[in-house]
């Protein structure tokens, strides 16, 4: 199961790299969250999860990050940006699932 999720995460990350960043999100702050950093942090955590178990600090950061999407996604009014960040959220959630599986 872990290997399947790791493969899925690799696929989601590859897909993410093919998507253009929503131009309207550059320099945009939504619900107190810088949208460029949200994107970069999500990809960064996913990359760390692919490499192995997370430190306690990284686990806490990933948990905080995934919670941010609950506030940010409903506040995005651009259709492409909402789709883009839904994909980013899915990547972060999958990374969190993998991190949890490794803790068991």
C-alpha atoms as a PDB file:
ATOM      1  CA  UNK A   1       0.000   0.000   0.000  1.00  0.00           C
ATOM      2  CA  UNK A   2       2.815   2.406   0.846  1.00  0.00           C
ATOM      3  CA  UNK A   3       4.545   1.798  -2.479  1.00  0.00           C
ATOM      4  CA  UNK A   4       1.283   2.421  -4.363  1.00  0.00           C
ATOM      5  CA  UNK A   5       0.795   5.725  -2.554  1.00  0.00           C
ATOM      6  CA  UNK A   6       4.405   6.722  -3.211  1.00  0.00           C
ATOM      7  CA  UNK A   7       3.884   5.976  -6.916  1.00  0.00           C
ATOM      8  CA  UNK A   8       0.675   8.023  -6.875  1.00  0.00           C
ATOM      9  CA  UNK A   9       2.501  10.908  -5.179  1.00  0.00           C
ATOM     10  CA  UNK A  10       5.248  10.792  -7.804  1.00  0.00           C
ATOM     11  CA  UNK A  11       2.564  10.978 -10.507  1.00  0.00           C
ATOM     12  CA  UNK A  12       0.731  13.874  -8.840  1.00  0.00           C
ATOM     13  CA  UNK A  13       4.009  15.757  -8.448  1.00  0.00           C
ATOM     14  CA  UNK A  14       4.904  15.191 -12.103  1.00  0.00           C
ATOM     15  CA  UNK A  15       1.468  16.432 -13.179  1.00  0.00           C
ATOM     16  CA  UNK A  16       1.877  19.464 -10.938  1.00  0.00           C
ATOM     17  CA  UNK A  17       5.108  20.435 -12.657  1.00  0.00           C
ATOM     18  CA  UNK A  18       3.334  20.531 -16.037  1.00  0.00           C
ATOM     19  CA  UNK A  19       0.644  22.960 -14.867  1.00  0.00           C
ATOM     20  CA  UNK A  20       1.262  26.666 -15.320  1.00  0.00           C
ATOM     21  CA  UNK A  21       1.096  28.632 -12.086  1.00  0.00           C
ATOM     22  CA  UNK A  22      -2.031  30.814 -12.005  1.00  0.00           C
ATOM     23  CA  UNK A  23      -0.722  34.272 -12.954  1.00  0.00           C
ATOM     24  CA  UNK A  24      -3.270  36.034 -10.767  1.00  0.00           C
ATOM     25  CA  UNK A  25      -1.863  34.294  -7.691  1.00  0.00           C
ATOM     26  CA  UNK A  26       1.605  35.815  -7.905  1.00  0.00           C
ATOM     27  CA  UNK A  27       1.921  38.184  -4.973  1.00  0.00           C
ATOM     28  CA  UNK A  28      -1.595  37.283  -3.819  1.00  0.00           C
ATOM     29  CA  UNK A  29      -2.408  36.723  -0.185  1.00  0.00           C
ATOM     30  CA  UNK A  30      -5.581  34.695   0.489  1.00  0.00           C
ATOM     31  CA  UNK A  31      -6.815  34.292   4.061  1.00  0.00           C
ATOM     32  CA  UNK A  32      -3.379  35.326   5.322  1.00  0.00           C
ATOM     33  CA  UNK A  33      -1.583  32.808   3.111  1.00  0.00           C
ATOM     34  CA  UNK A  34       0.909  33.772   0.396  1.00  0.00           C
ATOM     35  CA  UNK A  35      -0.201  31.683  -2.585  1.00  0.00           C
ATOM     36  CA  UNK A  36       3.287  31.234  -4.049  1.00  0.00           C
ATOM     37  CA  UNK A  37       4.569  29.930  -0.718  1.00  0.00           C
ATOM     38  CA  UNK A  38       1.562  27.631  -0.334  1.00  0.00           C
ATOM     39  CA  UNK A  39       2.398  26.070  -3.681  1.00  0.00           C
ATOM     40  CA  UNK A  40       6.127  25.813  -2.970  1.00  0.00           C
ATOM     41  CA  UNK A  41       5.686  24.485   0.568  1.00  0.00           C
ATOM     42  CA  UNK A  42       3.224  21.825  -0.593  1.00  0.00           C
ATOM     43  CA  UNK A  43       5.597  20.577  -3.273  1.00  0.00           C
ATOM     44  CA  UNK A  44       8.524  20.740  -0.858  1.00  0.00           C
ATOM     45  CA  UNK A  45       6.781  18.641   1.783  1.00  0.00           C
ATOM     46  CA  UNK A  46       5.726  16.131  -0.873  1.00  0.00           C
ATOM     47  CA  UNK A  47       9.344  15.852  -2.037  1.00  0.00           C
ATOM     48  CA  UNK A  48      10.570  15.267   1.518  1.00  0.00           C
ATOM     49  CA  UNK A  49       7.908  12.595   2.091  1.00  0.00           C
ATOM     50  CA  UNK A  50       9.029  10.756  -1.036  1.00  0.00           C
ATOM     51  CA  UNK A  51      12.552  10.563   0.399  1.00  0.00           C
ATOM     52  CA  UNK A  52      11.579   8.944   3.695  1.00  0.00           C
ATOM     53  CA  UNK A  53      10.028   9.466   7.110  1.00  0.00           C
ATOM     54  CA  UNK A  54       9.421  13.004   8.304  1.00  0.00           C
ATOM     55  CA  UNK A  55      10.920  14.601  11.368  1.00  0.00           C
ATOM     56  CA  UNK A  56       8.493  15.688  14.060  1.00  0.00           C
ATOM     57  CA  UNK A  57       8.894  19.293  12.894  1.00  0.00           C
ATOM     58  CA  UNK A  58       8.107  18.372   9.279  1.00  0.00           C
ATOM     59  CA  UNK A  59       5.054  16.326  10.343  1.00  0.00           C
ATOM     60  CA  UNK A  60       3.705  19.301  12.294  1.00  0.00           C
ATOM     61  CA  UNK A  61       4.367  21.633   9.363  1.00  0.00           C
ATOM     62  CA  UNK A  62       2.616  19.341   6.905  1.00  0.00           C
ATOM     63  CA  UNK A  63      -0.385  19.036   9.228  1.00  0.00           C
ATOM     64  CA  UNK A  64      -0.629  22.838   9.505  1.00  0.00           C
ATOM     65  CA  UNK A  65      -0.241  23.173   5.750  1.00  0.00           C
ATOM     66  CA  UNK A  66      -3.043  20.759   4.899  1.00  0.00           C
ATOM     67  CA  UNK A  67      -5.355  22.621   7.290  1.00  0.00           C
ATOM     68  CA  UNK A  68      -4.700  25.914   5.472  1.00  0.00           C
ATOM     69  CA  UNK A  69      -6.464  24.640   2.353  1.00  0.00           C
ATOM     70  CA  UNK A  70      -9.788  24.519   4.208  1.00  0.00           C
ATOM     71  CA  UNK A  71      -9.666  28.306   4.512  1.00  0.00           C
ATOM     72  CA  UNK A  72      -7.937  29.159   1.254  1.00  0.00           C
ATOM     73  CA  UNK A  73      -9.808  27.060  -1.324  1.00  0.00           C
ATOM     74  CA  UNK A  74     -13.289  28.511  -0.654  1.00  0.00           C
ATOM     75  CA  UNK A  75     -11.835  32.032  -0.953  1.00  0.00           C
ATOM     76  CA  UNK A  76     -10.394  31.523  -4.458  1.00  0.00           C
ATOM     77  CA  UNK A  77     -12.754  32.957  -7.059  1.00  0.00           C
ATOM     78  CA  UNK A  78     -10.733  32.229 -10.218  1.00  0.00           C
ATOM     79  CA  UNK A  79     -11.752  28.878 -11.756  1.00  0.00           C
ATOM     80  CA  UNK A  80      -8.284  27.860 -12.938  1.00  0.00           C
ATOM     81  CA  UNK A  81      -6.646  28.915  -9.666  1.00  0.00           C
ATOM     82  CA  UNK A  82      -9.227  26.946  -7.677  1.00  0.00           C
ATOM     83  CA  UNK A  83      -8.547  23.848  -9.797  1.00  0.00           C
ATOM     84  CA  UNK A  84      -4.797  24.356  -9.522  1.00  0.00           C
ATOM     85  CA  UNK A  85      -4.868  24.702  -5.738  1.00  0.00           C
ATOM     86  CA  UNK A  86      -7.258  21.771  -5.360  1.00  0.00           C
ATOM     87  CA  UNK A  87      -4.577  19.707  -7.085  1.00  0.00           C
ATOM     88  CA  UNK A  88      -1.934  21.187  -4.758  1.00  0.00           C
ATOM     89  CA  UNK A  89      -4.118  20.312  -1.750  1.00  0.00           C
ATOM     90  CA  UNK A  90      -4.540  16.755  -3.019  1.00  0.00           C
ATOM     91  CA  UNK A  91      -0.759  16.460  -3.313  1.00  0.00           C
ATOM     92  CA  UNK A  92      -0.272  17.682   0.269  1.00  0.00           C
ATOM     93  CA  UNK A  93      -2.999  15.386   1.619  1.00  0.00           C
ATOM     94  CA  UNK A  94      -1.476  12.382  -0.140  1.00  0.00           C
ATOM     95  CA  UNK A  95       1.922  13.282   1.311  1.00  0.00           C
ATOM     96  CA  UNK A  96       0.336  13.453   4.789  1.00  0.00           C
ATOM     97  CA  UNK A  97      -1.274  10.037   4.266  1.00  0.00           C
ATOM     98  CA  UNK A  98       2.098   8.559   3.349  1.00  0.00           C
ATOM     99  CA  UNK A  99       3.719  10.156   6.386  1.00  0.00           C
ATOM    100  CA  UNK A 100       1.014   8.623   8.593  1.00  0.00           C
ATOM    101  CA  UNK A 101       1.473   5.176   7.049  1.00  0.00           C
ATOM    102  CA  UNK A 102       5.174   5.319   7.808  1.00  0.00           C
ATOM    103  CA  UNK A 103       4.500   6.105  11.474  1.00  0.00           C
ATOM    104  CA  UNK A 104       2.592   2.835  11.979  1.00  0.00           C
END
